[in-house]
Amino acid sequence: MTNTLYPQSYYAASANCAPLRPALQTEIETDVCIIGAGYTGLSSALFLLESGFRVTVLEAAKVGFGASGRNGGQIVNSYSRDIDVIERTVGPEQARLMGEMAFEGARIIRERVSKYQIQCDLKDGGVFAALTPKQMAHLEAQKNLWERYGHPQLELLDQRRMREVVACDQYIGGVLDMSGGHIHPLNLALGEAAAVESLGGVIHEQSAAIKIERGANPAVHTAQGKVRAKFIIVAGNAYLGNLVPELAAKSMPCGTQVVATQPLGQALANTLLPQDYCVEDCNYLLDYYRLSAEKRLIFGGGVVYGARDPANIETIIRPKILKAFPQLKDVKIDYAWTGNFLLTLSRLPQVGRLGDNIYYSQGCSGHGVTYTHLAGKVLAQALRGQAERFDAFAGLAHYPFPGGQLLRTPLTAMGAWYYSLRDKFGF
């Protein structure tokens, strides 16, 4: 049985009001049926509606129930594997297209927020923080790489400049990306859902897809209803289950943990992050944090492979907070939650088509906030017959995790342990 209530997160507690969206209880017809009302599904719906399609969205729980409503709230450009990795593994034209698209998701978010007047506490500015000289050299190379693809809004930060943007002694430098930033992620999803409905789109919550009827006239079945459509978009990501077995075989749900402290007050918050930028470090298993609109520190980190919920999230995250900010030793944590994202072996998104009329995008591998908004545009273009950008993603090679579904979790965890040791000892 799907948990149909939001988890007890800070985002759920501070969510904007949203209407009740009743479950599907009848048989209907539409142009496009989208499975999943997270960012991928909502972005696809908006682009399709703006192009004149009729759209119905089926959501197993509530809008933004999965990663879209639980993530760290950071707008981070590019993909989980950067463009240099893509350049080494694909042809020049595919690399050019993917490089051009790497910074589009952040622009789409800002356009949506502006066009539809979405109240989601949008702030500009994101910092990549280096803990070692090796990480700093990587950031310098990343800055050059991104500028080569037409992304100039980057500033290299030395140690002195770094201390001006974040009161943490661990960092030796960093890069500031002013097109990065942060948002209240659940309120962004709720605002996009309202925009979908304002354009005539229909969203049914508590309406899990239990079967996809493939063929020339595809349909999606729920427990109490059915949607016939010309096209289907599968956008369930880490919460898709085994609905599409061939997608489940090449991906793995992973859990990440996030906490929100008590409100810190303006004065203390200003000493920690004076410009209100968000921060993520450069470790393989990275930490990331930012301030909320009411000046709570929202801090995330750690990965649980296989998406089990850890017993005590605070014991995982509090030591990370105190390592960065020892001055917060007496600060109370008000909320702690976990959420799943979908990992692929390549760390690049899986995009493709099943037959002629079922499209999918999944496996953001931790870079979902911006990528999913781009994915919605790419999928909508493909349904309109403009498939060049879709094909650039669809052409990426994907492989099953070693060990199959039984051993993929321990083997991946062992690999992550190895890389985290490399981070710890700086090699």
Protein backbone atom coordinates (compact mmCIF):
# COMPACT_ATOMS: atom_id res chain seq x y z
CA MET A 1 0.00 0.00 0.00
CA THR A 2 1.49 3.36 -0.98
CA ASN A 3 1.92 5.87 1.80
CA THR A 4 -0.34 8.59 0.49
CA LEU A 5 0.51 11.26 3.06
CA TYR A 6 3.61 13.43 2.85
CA PRO A 7 6.50 12.36 5.10
CA GLN A 8 7.04 14.47 8.21
CA SER A 9 9.47 16.87 6.58
CA TYR A 10 10.00 20.60 7.05
CA TYR A 11 8.74 21.05 3.50
CA ALA A 12 5.44 19.30 4.21
CA ALA A 13 5.02 21.35 7.40
CA SER A 14 5.56 24.63 5.51
CA ALA A 15 3.81 23.75 2.23
CA ASN A 16 1.50 26.20 0.51
CA CYS A 17 -2.19 25.32 0.42
CA ALA A 18 -3.20 22.92 -2.34
CA PRO A 19 -6.60 21.64 -3.47
CA LEU A 20 -7.78 18.09 -2.99
CA ARG A 21 -7.19 16.13 -6.17
CA PRO A 22 -9.51 13.11 -6.17
CA ALA A 23 -8.50 9.65 -7.31
CA LEU A 24 -9.39 8.50 -10.81
CA GLN A 25 -12.61 6.49 -10.63
CA THR A 26 -13.68 6.22 -14.23
CA GLU A 27 -12.40 5.54 -17.75
CA ILE A 28 -11.18 8.61 -19.65
CA GLU A 29 -9.39 9.52 -22.87
CA THR A 30 -6.63 12.07 -23.33
CA ASP A 31 -3.71 12.87 -25.63
CA VAL A 32 -0.97 12.18 -23.09
CA CYS A 33 -1.14 10.24 -19.84
CA ILE A 34 1.77 11.00 -17.48
CA ILE A 35 2.63 8.63 -14.64
CA GLY A 36 4.02 10.62 -11.72
CA ALA A 37 3.39 14.16 -10.46
CA GLY A 38 6.97 15.00 -9.57
CA TYR A 39 9.13 17.47 -11.47
CA THR A 40 9.57 15.26 -14.56
CA GLY A 41 5.83 14.68 -14.90
CA LEU A 42 4.83 18.25 -14.09
CA SER A 43 7.43 19.80 -16.39
CA SER A 44 6.36 17.48 -19.22
CA ALA A 45 2.71 18.35 -18.58
CA LEU A 46 3.35 22.10 -18.69
CA PHE A 47 5.33 22.01 -21.94
CA LEU A 48 2.72 19.74 -23.55
CA LEU A 49 -0.23 21.85 -22.41
CA GLU A 50 1.50 24.98 -23.69
CA SER A 51 1.74 23.17 -27.06
CA GLY A 52 -1.98 22.34 -27.14
CA PHE A 53 -2.02 18.71 -25.95
CA ARG A 54 -4.67 17.35 -23.57
CA VAL A 55 -2.87 15.97 -20.52
CA THR A 56 -3.84 13.75 -17.58
CA VAL A 57 -1.36 13.11 -14.76
CA LEU A 58 -1.68 10.07 -12.46
CA GLU A 59 0.03 10.29 -9.07
CA ALA A 60 0.26 7.33 -6.68
CA ALA A 61 0.34 9.55 -3.59
CA LYS A 62 0.38 13.37 -3.65
CA VAL A 63 1.97 15.98 -5.91
CA GLY A 64 5.70 16.09 -5.13
CA PHE A 65 5.50 13.10 -2.78
CA GLY A 66 8.85 11.62 -3.93
CA ALA A 67 12.23 13.24 -4.46
CA SER A 68 10.64 16.41 -5.91
CA GLY A 69 9.16 17.34 -2.54
CA ARG A 70 11.94 16.06 -0.25
CA ASN A 71 15.28 17.03 -1.79
CA GLY A 72 17.84 19.51 -0.52
CA GLY A 73 16.23 22.29 -2.55
CA GLN A 74 19.39 23.15 -4.46
CA ILE A 75 19.46 24.27 -8.10
CA VAL A 76 22.67 22.67 -9.42
CA ASN A 77 23.63 22.79 -13.09
CA SER A 78 24.88 19.98 -15.34
CA TYR A 79 24.46 16.24 -14.68
CA SER A 80 25.68 13.84 -12.02
CA ARG A 81 28.51 13.00 -14.45
CA ASP A 82 29.85 16.22 -15.93
CA ILE A 83 30.17 17.14 -19.60
CA ASP A 84 33.84 16.07 -19.80
CA VAL A 85 32.81 12.47 -19.02
CA ILE A 86 30.10 12.71 -21.68
CA GLU A 87 32.65 14.07 -24.19
CA ARG A 88 34.86 11.03 -23.61
CA THR A 89 32.07 8.49 -24.09
CA VAL A 90 29.88 9.80 -26.93
CA GLY A 91 30.35 11.38 -30.33
CA PRO A 92 31.00 15.13 -30.78
CA GLU A 93 27.47 16.03 -31.90
CA GLN A 94 25.83 14.19 -29.00
CA ALA A 95 28.31 15.83 -26.58
CA ARG A 96 27.57 19.27 -28.08
CA LEU A 97 23.81 18.85 -27.63
CA MET A 98 24.12 17.55 -24.06
CA GLY A 99 26.61 20.29 -23.19
CA GLU A 100 24.22 22.95 -24.46
CA MET A 101 21.37 21.44 -22.42
CA ALA A 102 23.38 21.14 -19.18
CA PHE A 103 22.40 24.63 -18.00
CA GLU A 104 18.86 24.81 -19.35
CA GLY A 105 17.02 23.26 -16.38
CA ALA A 106 17.85 26.17 -14.08
CA ARG A 107 16.57 28.64 -16.68
CA ILE A 108 13.33 26.67 -17.06
CA ILE A 109 12.75 26.74 -13.28
CA ARG A 110 13.17 30.51 -13.18
CA GLU A 111 10.90 30.96 -16.20
CA ARG A 112 8.19 28.84 -14.55
CA VAL A 113 8.46 30.66 -11.23
CA SER A 114 8.16 34.02 -13.00
CA LYS A 115 5.46 33.09 -15.54
CA TYR A 116 3.17 31.31 -13.09
CA GLN A 117 4.00 33.42 -10.01
CA ILE A 118 5.10 30.39 -7.96
CA GLN A 119 5.86 31.16 -4.32
CA CYS A 120 8.83 28.87 -3.55
CA ASP A 121 11.45 31.12 -1.87
CA LEU A 122 13.73 31.18 -4.94
CA LYS A 123 17.23 32.51 -4.16
CA ASP A 124 20.18 32.90 -6.55
CA GLY A 125 23.69 31.59 -5.96
CA GLY A 126 25.19 28.17 -5.34
CA VAL A 127 28.70 27.34 -4.09
CA PHE A 128 30.82 24.26 -4.83
CA ALA A 129 33.24 23.93 -1.91
CA ALA A 130 36.69 22.29 -2.13
CA LEU A 131 38.17 20.51 0.87
CA THR A 132 41.49 19.49 -0.75
CA PRO A 133 43.88 20.83 -3.41
CA LYS A 134 42.79 17.98 -5.70
CA GLN A 135 39.13 19.09 -5.40
CA MET A 136 40.14 22.71 -6.02
CA ALA A 137 41.97 21.69 -9.21
CA HIS A 138 38.84 19.80 -10.27
CA LEU A 139 36.70 22.94 -9.73
CA GLU A 140 39.10 25.06 -11.78
CA ALA A 141 38.84 22.53 -14.63
CA GLN A 142 35.04 22.42 -14.23
CA LYS A 143 34.83 26.21 -14.48
CA ASN A 144 36.84 26.15 -17.73
CA LEU A 145 34.68 23.30 -19.06
CA TRP A 146 31.39 25.06 -18.29
CA GLU A 147 32.64 28.34 -19.78
CA ARG A 148 33.55 26.45 -22.96
CA TYR A 149 29.86 25.50 -23.20
CA GLY A 150 28.71 29.09 -22.84
CA HIS A 151 28.12 29.24 -19.09
CA PRO A 152 29.93 32.36 -17.84
CA GLN A 153 28.23 33.04 -14.49
CA LEU A 154 31.05 31.48 -12.45
CA GLU A 155 33.51 32.97 -9.98
CA LEU A 156 36.55 31.14 -8.62
CA LEU A 157 36.79 31.65 -4.85
CA ASP A 158 40.10 31.54 -2.99
CA GLN A 159 40.18 30.70 0.72
CA ARG A 160 39.69 34.31 1.83
CA ARG A 161 36.78 34.87 -0.57
CA MET A 162 35.29 31.51 0.45
CA ARG A 163 35.18 32.63 4.08
CA GLU A 164 33.13 35.65 2.98
CA VAL A 165 30.35 33.41 1.64
CA VAL A 166 30.38 30.55 4.18
CA ALA A 167 31.66 30.58 7.77
CA CYS A 168 33.35 27.18 7.59
CA ASP A 169 37.07 26.55 8.17
CA GLN A 170 37.12 23.26 6.23
CA TYR A 171 37.19 24.74 2.74
CA ILE A 172 40.29 25.89 0.87
CA GLY A 173 38.31 27.50 -1.94
CA GLY A 174 35.41 26.96 -4.30
CA VAL A 175 33.35 28.13 -7.24
CA LEU A 176 30.27 30.36 -7.06
CA ASP A 177 27.61 29.77 -9.73
CA MET A 178 25.14 32.64 -9.75
CA SER A 179 22.75 30.69 -11.99
CA GLY A 180 22.58 28.06 -9.27
CA GLY A 181 20.47 28.72 -6.22
CA HIS A 182 17.82 27.21 -4.00
CA ILE A 183 14.07 26.80 -3.60
CA HIS A 184 11.41 25.29 -1.35
CA PRO A 185 11.13 22.14 -3.48
CA LEU A 186 7.64 21.00 -2.49
CA ASN A 187 6.20 24.47 -3.04
CA LEU A 188 7.82 24.54 -6.48
CA ALA A 189 6.06 21.24 -7.31
CA LEU A 190 2.72 22.48 -5.91
CA GLY A 191 3.05 25.71 -7.92
CA GLU A 192 3.77 23.79 -11.09
CA ALA A 193 0.77 21.53 -10.44
CA ALA A 194 -1.45 24.61 -10.09
CA ALA A 195 0.00 25.90 -13.38
CA VAL A 196 -0.84 22.56 -15.05
CA GLU A 197 -4.44 22.86 -13.88
CA SER A 198 -4.66 26.51 -14.93
CA LEU A 199 -3.96 25.34 -18.50
CA GLY A 200 -6.64 22.65 -18.40
CA GLY A 201 -4.48 19.71 -17.34
CA VAL A 202 -5.96 17.15 -14.94
CA ILE A 203 -4.09 15.62 -11.97
CA HIS A 204 -5.43 12.61 -10.08
CA GLU A 205 -3.76 11.88 -6.74
CA GLN A 206 -4.03 8.53 -4.89
CA SER A 207 -4.10 6.98 -8.37
CA ALA A 208 -1.18 4.57 -8.67
CA ALA A 209 -0.61 3.07 -12.10
CA ILE A 210 -0.85 -0.69 -11.67
CA LYS A 211 -0.64 -1.79 -15.31
CA ILE A 212 0.35 -0.30 -18.66
CA GLU A 213 -1.47 -1.70 -21.68
CA ARG A 214 0.99 -1.49 -24.54
CA GLY A 215 0.31 -1.47 -28.26
CA ALA A 216 -1.25 0.84 -30.84
CA ASN A 217 -3.85 2.17 -28.36
CA PRO A 218 -2.04 2.27 -25.02
CA ALA A 219 -3.77 2.66 -21.67
CA VAL A 220 -2.83 3.04 -18.03
CA HIS A 221 -4.88 1.17 -15.43
CA THR A 222 -5.33 2.27 -11.81
CA ALA A 223 -7.21 0.43 -9.07
CA GLN A 224 -10.47 2.20 -9.94
CA GLY A 225 -9.98 3.70 -13.38
CA LYS A 226 -8.28 3.68 -16.74
CA VAL A 227 -6.75 6.30 -19.04
CA ARG A 228 -6.59 5.73 -22.79
CA ALA A 229 -4.03 7.98 -24.47
CA LYS A 230 -2.12 8.51 -27.69
CA PHE A 231 1.11 8.72 -25.69
CA ILE A 232 2.24 7.70 -22.22
CA ILE A 233 5.11 9.30 -20.29
CA VAL A 234 6.57 7.23 -17.46
CA ALA A 235 7.93 9.67 -14.84
CA GLY A 236 7.89 7.67 -11.61
CA ASN A 237 11.66 7.61 -11.10
CA ALA A 238 12.64 5.98 -7.76
CA TYR A 239 8.97 5.39 -6.89
CA LEU A 240 8.04 3.49 -10.05
CA GLY A 241 8.48 0.03 -8.53
CA ASN A 242 8.32 -2.81 -11.05
CA LEU A 243 5.64 -1.25 -13.27
CA VAL A 244 8.08 -1.30 -16.21
CA PRO A 245 10.45 -4.24 -15.56
CA GLU A 246 12.97 -3.30 -18.26
CA LEU A 247 13.49 0.09 -16.54
CA ALA A 248 13.83 -1.39 -13.04
CA ALA A 249 16.67 -3.67 -14.22
CA LYS A 250 19.08 -0.80 -14.98
CA SER A 251 18.51 1.48 -12.00
CA MET A 252 18.59 1.38 -8.20
CA PRO A 253 16.62 3.47 -5.68
CA CYS A 254 18.87 5.12 -3.09
CA GLY A 255 17.94 7.04 0.04
CA THR A 256 19.37 10.36 1.15
CA GLN A 257 18.88 12.05 4.50
CA VAL A 258 17.98 15.67 5.23
CA VAL A 259 17.37 17.61 8.45
CA ALA A 260 16.10 21.10 9.27
CA THR A 261 17.21 22.84 12.45
CA GLN A 262 15.14 25.14 14.60
CA PRO A 263 15.04 28.72 13.23
CA LEU A 264 18.48 30.19 13.88
CA GLY A 265 17.48 33.84 13.89
CA GLN A 266 18.67 36.42 11.39
CA ALA A 267 21.91 37.31 13.18
CA LEU A 268 23.27 33.76 13.53
CA ALA A 269 22.08 32.78 10.04
CA ASN A 270 23.87 35.79 8.57
CA THR A 271 27.16 34.75 10.17
CA LEU A 272 26.93 31.26 8.62
CA LEU A 273 25.84 32.15 5.05
CA PRO A 274 25.93 35.96 4.71
CA GLN A 275 24.77 36.04 1.06
CA ASP A 276 22.21 33.23 1.54
CA TYR A 277 23.85 30.99 -1.08
CA CYS A 278 23.48 27.22 -0.96
CA VAL A 279 26.61 25.07 -0.60
CA GLU A 280 27.68 21.57 -1.58
CA ASP A 281 31.11 20.05 -1.09
CA CYS A 282 33.08 18.05 -3.66
CA ASN A 283 33.26 14.71 -1.88
CA TYR A 284 31.98 11.57 -3.61
CA LEU A 285 29.34 11.24 -0.88
CA LEU A 286 28.76 14.94 -0.59
CA ASP A 287 27.21 17.16 2.09
CA TYR A 288 24.93 20.03 1.06
CA TYR A 289 23.19 22.78 2.99
CA ARG A 290 21.37 26.09 2.79
CA LEU A 291 19.08 28.37 4.79
CA SER A 292 15.31 28.20 4.53
CA ALA A 293 13.16 31.31 4.23
CA GLU A 294 12.68 31.29 8.00
CA LYS A 295 16.43 30.85 8.59
CA ARG A 296 16.55 27.18 9.48
CA LEU A 297 19.68 25.36 8.35
CA ILE A 298 18.63 22.59 5.94
CA PHE A 299 21.46 20.07 5.80
CA GLY A 300 21.65 16.83 3.83
CA GLY A 301 24.18 14.12 3.20
CA GLY A 302 24.87 10.44 3.17
CA VAL A 303 23.43 7.81 0.84
CA VAL A 304 21.68 4.58 1.78
CA TYR A 305 22.01 2.21 -1.18
CA GLY A 306 18.84 0.24 -1.78
CA ALA A 307 16.72 2.99 -0.19
CA ARG A 308 16.23 1.57 3.30
CA ASP A 309 15.17 4.20 5.83
CA PRO A 310 17.85 4.57 8.53
CA ALA A 311 16.64 4.27 12.11
CA ASN A 312 17.94 7.64 13.29
CA ILE A 313 18.65 10.25 10.64
CA GLU A 314 19.83 12.83 13.18
CA THR A 315 22.73 10.61 14.30
CA ILE A 316 23.93 10.50 10.67
CA ILE A 317 23.61 14.22 9.91
CA ARG A 318 24.33 16.04 13.21
CA PRO A 319 28.06 15.14 13.21
CA LYS A 320 28.31 16.53 9.67
CA ILE A 321 26.66 19.80 10.76
CA LEU A 322 29.00 20.17 13.75
CA LYS A 323 32.06 19.47 11.61
CA ALA A 324 31.07 22.35 9.34
CA PHE A 325 29.62 24.63 12.03
CA PRO A 326 30.79 23.75 15.58
CA GLN A 327 28.98 26.89 16.79
CA LEU A 328 25.66 25.04 16.27
CA LYS A 329 26.34 22.42 18.97
CA ASP A 330 23.31 23.50 21.03
CA VAL A 331 20.94 23.98 18.10
CA LYS A 332 17.92 21.67 18.03
CA ILE A 333 16.92 19.67 14.95
CA ASP A 334 13.18 20.08 14.38
CA TYR A 335 12.72 17.84 11.31
CA ALA A 336 14.55 14.83 9.89
CA TRP A 337 13.45 12.89 6.83
CA THR A 338 14.63 10.64 4.06
CA GLY A 339 13.73 10.36 0.40
CA ASN A 340 14.71 8.22 -2.55
CA PHE A 341 16.46 9.16 -5.76
CA LEU A 342 17.19 6.82 -8.65
CA LEU A 343 20.78 5.88 -9.41
CA THR A 344 22.09 4.53 -12.73
CA LEU A 345 25.41 2.78 -13.17
CA SER A 346 26.68 5.55 -15.47
CA ARG A 347 25.21 8.28 -13.20
CA LEU A 348 23.58 9.70 -16.35
CA PRO A 349 19.81 9.86 -16.96
CA GLN A 350 17.97 7.08 -18.78
CA VAL A 351 15.73 8.45 -21.51
CA GLY A 352 13.97 6.46 -24.18
CA ARG A 353 10.87 5.05 -25.79
CA LEU A 354 9.12 1.69 -25.48
CA GLY A 355 7.42 0.89 -28.77
CA ASP A 356 6.11 3.94 -30.60
CA ASN A 357 4.15 5.70 -27.90
CA ILE A 358 5.54 5.12 -24.38
CA TYR A 359 8.28 7.56 -23.38
CA TYR A 360 10.30 7.67 -20.17
CA SER A 361 12.94 9.65 -18.31
CA GLN A 362 14.49 8.52 -15.04
CA GLY A 363 17.72 8.04 -13.11
CA CYS A 364 18.84 11.62 -12.38
CA SER A 365 21.36 10.12 -9.91
CA GLY A 366 21.15 13.03 -7.45
CA HIS A 367 21.00 15.90 -9.97
CA GLY A 368 17.25 15.85 -10.42
CA VAL A 369 16.05 19.37 -9.61
CA THR A 370 17.38 20.94 -12.80
CA TYR A 371 17.56 17.86 -15.05
CA THR A 372 13.88 16.92 -14.57
CA HIS A 373 12.75 20.35 -15.74
CA LEU A 374 14.88 19.98 -18.86
CA ALA A 375 13.57 16.41 -19.33
CA GLY A 376 9.99 17.70 -19.48
CA LYS A 377 10.92 20.00 -22.35
CA VAL A 378 12.89 17.28 -24.19
CA LEU A 379 10.04 14.77 -23.86
CA ALA A 380 7.44 17.31 -25.01
CA GLN A 381 9.58 18.16 -28.04
CA ALA A 382 9.88 14.46 -28.91
CA LEU A 383 6.09 14.03 -28.79
CA ARG A 384 5.81 16.95 -31.20
CA GLY A 385 8.23 15.21 -33.58
CA GLN A 386 11.37 17.18 -32.68
CA ALA A 387 13.54 14.33 -31.44
CA GLU A 388 17.13 15.57 -31.89
CA ARG A 389 17.64 16.46 -28.22
CA PHE A 390 15.66 13.41 -27.05
CA ASP A 391 17.89 11.20 -29.20
CA ALA A 392 21.03 12.70 -27.63
CA PHE A 393 19.91 11.35 -24.25
CA ALA A 394 18.37 8.16 -25.64
CA GLY A 395 21.70 7.30 -27.29
CA LEU A 396 23.55 7.03 -23.96
CA ALA A 397 24.56 3.45 -23.11
CA HIS A 398 23.11 1.98 -19.90
CA TYR A 399 23.95 -1.30 -18.21
CA PRO A 400 22.52 -3.35 -15.35
CA PHE A 401 24.26 -3.03 -11.98
CA PRO A 402 26.80 -5.82 -11.32
CA GLY A 403 25.33 -8.63 -9.28
CA GLY A 404 21.75 -8.11 -10.45
CA GLN A 405 18.99 -6.99 -8.10
CA LEU A 406 20.28 -9.24 -5.30
CA LEU A 407 23.88 -8.01 -5.10
CA ARG A 408 23.70 -4.53 -6.64
CA THR A 409 23.18 -2.82 -3.25
CA PRO A 410 26.18 -4.28 -1.36
CA LEU A 411 28.49 -4.01 -4.39
CA THR A 412 27.57 -0.35 -4.99
CA ALA A 413 27.94 0.42 -1.27
CA MET A 414 31.44 -1.11 -1.34
CA GLY A 415 32.37 1.10 -4.27
CA ALA A 416 31.05 4.19 -2.49
CA TRP A 417 32.98 3.22 0.68
CA TYR A 418 36.17 3.09 -1.40
CA TYR A 419 35.57 6.56 -2.86
CA SER A 420 34.64 8.04 0.52
CA LEU A 421 37.97 6.74 1.90
CA ARG A 422 39.72 8.49 -0.99
CA ASP A 423 37.90 11.70 -0.04
CA LYS A 424 38.80 11.29 3.64
CA PHE A 425 42.51 10.88 2.97
CA GLY A 426 42.63 13.36 0.10
CA PHE A 427 43.84 11.07 -2.68
